[in-house]
Amino acid sequence: MNQNKMNTQPIADIMGNAINRLNKVYFNTTSQRGTVLDEHKLKAKSQTKQVLEIFREMNIPMAPHQVWQQMPYNYLIPVTSVRRSMTCLTPVYLTKLDDMVPGQYGRPVHLWNLNTNK
């Protein structure tokens, strides 16, 4: 196989494989069922993929609101979904740091960083 062809796997596919290795990215706290539940799971998986991709692209420590600011169409995504994604990605892909920055509402919030081995 051509060496160039092997390196052309889209980053989204790589991220999808990474997310598939996580145990859980959606928590059904509202007891949804059927296609509604499937849609919610798919959306949570997509958001988690986006969060991991942002950490890999930026390669700097970030707080949830900083990650949210980097997301396209972030006005459609609650920052709480970003927090959920970051929690799901910890400790496999992200590490929660002791360092803090002022959050959206002035309270200190923790920074997370991409694990160097992932």
N, C-alpha and C. Protein backbone atom coordinates (compact mmCIF):
# COMPACT_ATOMS: atom_id res chain seq x y z
N MET A 1 0.84 -1.18 0.00
CA MET A 1 0.00 0.00 0.00
C MET A 1 0.88 1.24 0.00
N ASN A 2 0.48 2.25 -0.73
CA ASN A 2 1.20 3.51 -0.80
C ASN A 2 1.30 4.13 0.59
N GLN A 3 2.51 4.56 0.97
CA GLN A 3 2.73 5.15 2.31
C GLN A 3 1.85 6.37 2.53
N ASN A 4 1.65 7.21 1.49
CA ASN A 4 0.82 8.40 1.62
C ASN A 4 -0.63 8.05 1.92
N LYS A 5 -1.12 6.99 1.34
CA LYS A 5 -2.50 6.58 1.57
C LYS A 5 -2.74 6.18 3.02
N MET A 6 -1.75 5.59 3.66
CA MET A 6 -1.91 5.15 5.03
C MET A 6 -2.05 6.33 5.99
N ASN A 7 -1.52 7.50 5.65
CA ASN A 7 -1.53 8.65 6.54
C ASN A 7 -2.67 9.61 6.25
N THR A 8 -3.64 9.21 5.45
CA THR A 8 -4.70 10.13 5.07
C THR A 8 -6.00 9.88 5.82
N GLN A 9 -5.96 9.07 6.85
CA GLN A 9 -7.17 8.81 7.63
C GLN A 9 -7.64 10.13 8.26
N PRO A 10 -8.88 10.53 8.02
CA PRO A 10 -9.36 11.79 8.57
C PRO A 10 -9.26 11.82 10.09
N ILE A 11 -8.93 13.02 10.60
CA ILE A 11 -8.79 13.19 12.05
C ILE A 11 -10.10 12.81 12.76
N ALA A 12 -11.24 13.06 12.13
CA ALA A 12 -12.52 12.71 12.75
C ALA A 12 -12.64 11.21 12.98
N ASP A 13 -12.10 10.39 12.05
CA ASP A 13 -12.13 8.94 12.23
C ASP A 13 -11.26 8.52 13.41
N ILE A 14 -10.09 9.14 13.52
CA ILE A 14 -9.19 8.83 14.62
C ILE A 14 -9.86 9.21 15.94
N MET A 15 -10.48 10.39 15.98
CA MET A 15 -11.17 10.83 17.19
C MET A 15 -12.32 9.88 17.53
N GLY A 16 -13.05 9.45 16.50
CA GLY A 16 -14.16 8.53 16.74
C GLY A 16 -13.69 7.24 17.37
N ASN A 17 -12.56 6.73 16.89
CA ASN A 17 -12.01 5.50 17.47
C ASN A 17 -11.63 5.73 18.93
N ALA A 18 -11.07 6.90 19.23
CA ALA A 18 -10.69 7.22 20.61
C ALA A 18 -11.92 7.28 21.50
N ILE A 19 -12.98 7.92 21.03
CA ILE A 19 -14.20 8.06 21.83
C ILE A 19 -14.86 6.70 22.03
N ASN A 20 -14.79 5.83 21.02
CA ASN A 20 -15.39 4.50 21.15
C ASN A 20 -14.75 3.68 22.26
N ARG A 21 -13.51 4.01 22.62
CA ARG A 21 -12.83 3.27 23.68
C ARG A 21 -13.27 3.71 25.08
N LEU A 22 -13.98 4.83 25.18
CA LEU A 22 -14.46 5.28 26.48
C LEU A 22 -15.68 4.46 26.88
N ASN A 23 -15.84 4.25 28.17
CA ASN A 23 -16.97 3.46 28.66
C ASN A 23 -18.31 4.16 28.43
N LYS A 24 -18.35 5.46 28.69
CA LYS A 24 -19.63 6.15 28.63
C LYS A 24 -19.42 7.62 28.33
N VAL A 25 -20.22 8.18 27.43
CA VAL A 25 -20.16 9.61 27.16
C VAL A 25 -21.53 10.28 27.34
N TYR A 26 -22.57 9.46 27.56
CA TYR A 26 -23.90 10.02 27.78
C TYR A 26 -24.50 9.37 29.02
N PHE A 27 -25.14 10.18 29.85
CA PHE A 27 -25.76 9.70 31.08
C PHE A 27 -27.26 9.98 30.97
N ASN A 28 -28.04 8.95 30.89
CA ASN A 28 -29.48 9.06 30.64
C ASN A 28 -30.23 9.41 31.93
N THR A 29 -30.06 10.63 32.38
CA THR A 29 -30.67 11.07 33.64
C THR A 29 -32.15 11.41 33.49
N THR A 30 -32.64 11.47 32.26
CA THR A 30 -34.05 11.80 32.03
C THR A 30 -34.84 10.61 31.51
N SER A 31 -34.26 9.42 31.61
CA SER A 31 -34.93 8.15 31.25
C SER A 31 -35.50 8.16 29.83
N GLN A 32 -34.72 8.67 28.89
CA GLN A 32 -35.13 8.66 27.49
C GLN A 32 -35.05 7.25 26.93
N ARG A 33 -35.80 6.99 25.85
CA ARG A 33 -35.82 5.67 25.22
C ARG A 33 -35.85 5.80 23.71
N GLY A 34 -35.56 4.67 23.07
CA GLY A 34 -35.71 4.57 21.61
C GLY A 34 -34.84 5.54 20.84
N THR A 35 -35.44 6.10 19.78
CA THR A 35 -34.67 6.97 18.89
C THR A 35 -34.23 8.26 19.58
N VAL A 36 -35.01 8.75 20.52
CA VAL A 36 -34.63 9.96 21.26
C VAL A 36 -33.34 9.69 22.04
N LEU A 37 -33.27 8.56 22.72
CA LEU A 37 -32.07 8.18 23.45
C LEU A 37 -30.89 8.03 22.50
N ASP A 38 -31.12 7.38 21.35
CA ASP A 38 -30.06 7.21 20.36
C ASP A 38 -29.53 8.56 19.88
N GLU A 39 -30.43 9.51 19.64
CA GLU A 39 -30.02 10.85 19.20
C GLU A 39 -29.20 11.55 20.27
N HIS A 40 -29.61 11.45 21.52
CA HIS A 40 -28.86 12.08 22.62
C HIS A 40 -27.47 11.46 22.76
N LYS A 41 -27.37 10.15 22.63
CA LYS A 41 -26.07 9.48 22.71
C LYS A 41 -25.16 9.93 21.57
N LEU A 42 -25.72 10.02 20.38
CA LEU A 42 -24.95 10.45 19.21
C LEU A 42 -24.44 11.88 19.38
N LYS A 43 -25.30 12.75 19.88
CA LYS A 43 -24.92 14.15 20.10
C LYS A 43 -23.81 14.25 21.15
N ALA A 44 -23.93 13.50 22.24
CA ALA A 44 -22.91 13.52 23.29
C ALA A 44 -21.58 13.00 22.75
N LYS A 45 -21.64 11.96 21.95
CA LYS A 45 -20.42 11.40 21.36
C LYS A 45 -19.76 12.42 20.43
N SER A 46 -20.55 13.11 19.63
CA SER A 46 -20.04 14.13 18.72
C SER A 46 -19.40 15.28 19.50
N GLN A 47 -20.05 15.72 20.57
CA GLN A 47 -19.51 16.80 21.39
C GLN A 47 -18.19 16.37 22.04
N THR A 48 -18.12 15.15 22.51
CA THR A 48 -16.91 14.65 23.15
C THR A 48 -15.77 14.56 22.14
N LYS A 49 -16.09 14.15 20.91
CA LYS A 49 -15.09 14.13 19.85
C LYS A 49 -14.56 15.53 19.58
N GLN A 50 -15.46 16.51 19.53
CA GLN A 50 -15.06 17.90 19.30
C GLN A 50 -14.14 18.40 20.40
N VAL A 51 -14.47 18.09 21.64
CA VAL A 51 -13.66 18.53 22.77
C VAL A 51 -12.25 17.95 22.67
N LEU A 52 -12.15 16.66 22.41
CA LEU A 52 -10.83 16.03 22.29
C LEU A 52 -10.06 16.62 21.12
N GLU A 53 -10.73 16.86 20.02
CA GLU A 53 -10.07 17.46 18.86
C GLU A 53 -9.55 18.85 19.18
N ILE A 54 -10.30 19.64 19.92
CA ILE A 54 -9.85 20.99 20.31
C ILE A 54 -8.60 20.91 21.18
N PHE A 55 -8.60 20.01 22.15
CA PHE A 55 -7.41 19.85 22.99
C PHE A 55 -6.21 19.44 22.15
N ARG A 56 -6.40 18.55 21.19
CA ARG A 56 -5.28 18.10 20.36
C ARG A 56 -4.78 19.22 19.44
N GLU A 57 -5.70 20.03 18.92
CA GLU A 57 -5.31 21.13 18.03
C GLU A 57 -4.64 22.26 18.80
N MET A 58 -5.20 22.64 19.94
CA MET A 58 -4.69 23.77 20.71
C MET A 58 -3.42 23.40 21.48
N ASN A 59 -3.40 22.20 22.04
CA ASN A 59 -2.27 21.67 22.80
C ASN A 59 -1.83 22.62 23.93
N ILE A 60 -2.81 23.18 24.62
CA ILE A 60 -2.55 24.03 25.79
C ILE A 60 -3.56 23.67 26.87
N PRO A 61 -3.25 23.93 28.15
CA PRO A 61 -4.25 23.71 29.19
C PRO A 61 -5.44 24.65 29.00
N MET A 62 -6.66 24.13 29.20
CA MET A 62 -7.87 24.94 29.02
C MET A 62 -8.91 24.57 30.06
N ALA A 63 -9.73 25.55 30.40
CA ALA A 63 -10.89 25.36 31.25
C ALA A 63 -12.10 25.06 30.37
N PRO A 64 -13.17 24.50 30.93
CA PRO A 64 -14.34 24.16 30.11
C PRO A 64 -14.87 25.33 29.28
N HIS A 65 -14.95 26.52 29.86
CA HIS A 65 -15.49 27.65 29.09
C HIS A 65 -14.56 28.06 27.96
N GLN A 66 -13.26 27.83 28.12
CA GLN A 66 -12.31 28.14 27.06
C GLN A 66 -12.44 27.15 25.90
N VAL A 67 -12.68 25.90 26.22
CA VAL A 67 -12.93 24.89 25.19
C VAL A 67 -14.23 25.24 24.46
N TRP A 68 -15.25 25.57 25.21
CA TRP A 68 -16.56 25.93 24.65
C TRP A 68 -16.42 27.09 23.66
N GLN A 69 -15.58 28.07 23.99
CA GLN A 69 -15.38 29.23 23.11
C GLN A 69 -14.75 28.83 21.78
N GLN A 70 -14.02 27.73 21.76
CA GLN A 70 -13.36 27.27 20.53
C GLN A 70 -14.28 26.43 19.65
N MET A 71 -15.43 26.04 20.17
CA MET A 71 -16.32 25.14 19.43
C MET A 71 -17.13 25.91 18.39
N PRO A 72 -17.19 25.38 17.16
CA PRO A 72 -18.06 26.01 16.17
C PRO A 72 -19.52 25.86 16.61
N TYR A 73 -20.28 26.89 16.38
CA TYR A 73 -21.71 26.90 16.75
C TYR A 73 -21.91 26.66 18.24
N ASN A 74 -21.02 27.22 19.05
CA ASN A 74 -21.09 26.98 20.50
C ASN A 74 -22.38 27.50 21.12
N TYR A 75 -23.05 28.42 20.46
CA TYR A 75 -24.32 28.92 21.00
C TYR A 75 -25.39 27.83 21.02
N LEU A 76 -25.14 26.73 20.32
CA LEU A 76 -26.08 25.60 20.32
C LEU A 76 -25.72 24.54 21.36
N ILE A 77 -24.56 24.71 22.01
CA ILE A 77 -24.05 23.69 22.92
C ILE A 77 -23.89 24.29 24.32
N PRO A 78 -24.55 23.73 25.32
CA PRO A 78 -24.36 24.25 26.68
C PRO A 78 -22.96 23.95 27.19
N VAL A 79 -22.39 24.87 27.94
CA VAL A 79 -21.06 24.65 28.50
C VAL A 79 -21.06 23.43 29.42
N THR A 80 -22.21 23.10 29.99
CA THR A 80 -22.30 21.90 30.83
C THR A 80 -22.01 20.63 30.02
N SER A 81 -22.35 20.64 28.74
CA SER A 81 -22.03 19.49 27.88
C SER A 81 -20.54 19.38 27.66
N VAL A 82 -19.86 20.52 27.57
CA VAL A 82 -18.40 20.50 27.45
C VAL A 82 -17.79 19.94 28.73
N ARG A 83 -18.32 20.36 29.87
CA ARG A 83 -17.83 19.83 31.15
C ARG A 83 -18.03 18.31 31.23
N ARG A 84 -19.20 17.85 30.79
CA ARG A 84 -19.46 16.41 30.79
C ARG A 84 -18.46 15.68 29.91
N SER A 85 -18.21 16.22 28.74
CA SER A 85 -17.26 15.60 27.82
C SER A 85 -15.86 15.55 28.43
N MET A 86 -15.45 16.63 29.06
CA MET A 86 -14.12 16.68 29.66
C MET A 86 -14.01 15.68 30.81
N THR A 87 -15.07 15.55 31.59
CA THR A 87 -15.08 14.57 32.68
C THR A 87 -14.97 13.15 32.12
N CYS A 88 -15.68 12.87 31.04
CA CYS A 88 -15.63 11.54 30.42
C CYS A 88 -14.24 11.24 29.84
N LEU A 89 -13.56 12.27 29.36
CA LEU A 89 -12.24 12.10 28.76
C LEU A 89 -11.13 11.98 29.81
N THR A 90 -11.46 12.28 31.06
CA THR A 90 -10.50 12.20 32.17
C THR A 90 -10.64 10.85 32.84
N PRO A 91 -9.63 10.14 33.15
CA PRO A 91 -8.19 10.39 33.02
C PRO A 91 -7.56 9.77 31.78
N VAL A 92 -8.35 9.15 30.91
CA VAL A 92 -7.77 8.44 29.76
C VAL A 92 -7.08 9.41 28.79
N TYR A 93 -7.74 10.51 28.44
CA TYR A 93 -7.21 11.44 27.45
C TYR A 93 -6.83 12.80 28.02
N LEU A 94 -7.48 13.20 29.10
CA LEU A 94 -7.21 14.50 29.72
C LEU A 94 -6.80 14.32 31.17
N THR A 95 -6.10 15.32 31.69
CA THR A 95 -5.74 15.36 33.10
C THR A 95 -6.25 16.67 33.67
N LYS A 96 -6.95 16.59 34.79
CA LYS A 96 -7.40 17.79 35.48
C LYS A 96 -6.23 18.32 36.30
N LEU A 97 -5.90 19.58 36.09
CA LEU A 97 -4.75 20.19 36.74
C LEU A 97 -5.18 20.91 38.02
N ASP A 98 -4.21 21.18 38.88
CA ASP A 98 -4.47 21.98 40.08
C ASP A 98 -4.57 23.46 39.73
N ASP A 99 -4.01 23.87 38.60
CA ASP A 99 -4.04 25.27 38.18
C ASP A 99 -5.46 25.71 37.88
N MET A 100 -5.77 26.95 38.20
CA MET A 100 -7.11 27.49 37.98
C MET A 100 -7.03 28.85 37.29
N VAL A 101 -8.12 29.20 36.61
CA VAL A 101 -8.29 30.51 35.98
C VAL A 101 -9.68 31.03 36.33
N PRO A 102 -9.90 32.35 36.21
CA PRO A 102 -11.26 32.85 36.43
C PRO A 102 -12.22 32.28 35.38
N GLY A 103 -13.35 31.79 35.84
CA GLY A 103 -14.35 31.23 34.93
C GLY A 103 -15.27 32.30 34.36
N GLN A 104 -16.30 31.87 33.67
CA GLN A 104 -17.25 32.78 33.02
C GLN A 104 -17.89 33.74 34.01
N TYR A 105 -18.07 33.31 35.22
CA TYR A 105 -18.78 34.13 36.21
C TYR A 105 -17.86 34.60 37.33
N GLY A 106 -16.54 34.59 37.06
CA GLY A 106 -15.59 35.11 38.00
C GLY A 106 -15.05 34.12 39.03
N ARG A 107 -15.68 32.98 39.15
CA ARG A 107 -15.18 31.97 40.11
C ARG A 107 -14.04 31.19 39.49
N PRO A 108 -13.08 30.78 40.32
CA PRO A 108 -11.96 30.00 39.78
C PRO A 108 -12.44 28.63 39.28
N VAL A 109 -11.91 28.24 38.13
CA VAL A 109 -12.21 26.92 37.56
C VAL A 109 -10.90 26.25 37.18
N HIS A 110 -10.89 24.92 37.27
CA HIS A 110 -9.69 24.15 36.96
C HIS A 110 -9.39 24.14 35.47
N LEU A 111 -8.12 23.98 35.17
CA LEU A 111 -7.66 23.74 33.81
C LEU A 111 -7.49 22.25 33.60
N TRP A 112 -7.64 21.81 32.37
CA TRP A 112 -7.36 20.44 31.97
C TRP A 112 -6.30 20.49 30.88
N ASN A 113 -5.57 19.40 30.75
CA ASN A 113 -4.56 19.32 29.73
C ASN A 113 -4.63 17.95 29.06
N LEU A 114 -4.24 17.90 27.80
CA LEU A 114 -4.17 16.64 27.07
C LEU A 114 -3.07 15.78 27.68
N ASN A 115 -3.36 14.52 27.90
CA ASN A 115 -2.33 13.61 28.37
C ASN A 115 -1.26 13.50 27.31
N THR A 116 -0.02 13.53 27.73
CA THR A 116 1.08 13.53 26.77
C THR A 116 1.25 12.19 26.06
N ASN A 117 0.72 11.13 26.63
CA ASN A 117 0.87 9.80 26.01
C ASN A 117 -0.28 9.44 25.07
N LYS A 118 -1.21 10.38 24.82
CA LYS A 118 -2.37 10.06 23.97
C LYS A 118 -2.35 10.84 22.69
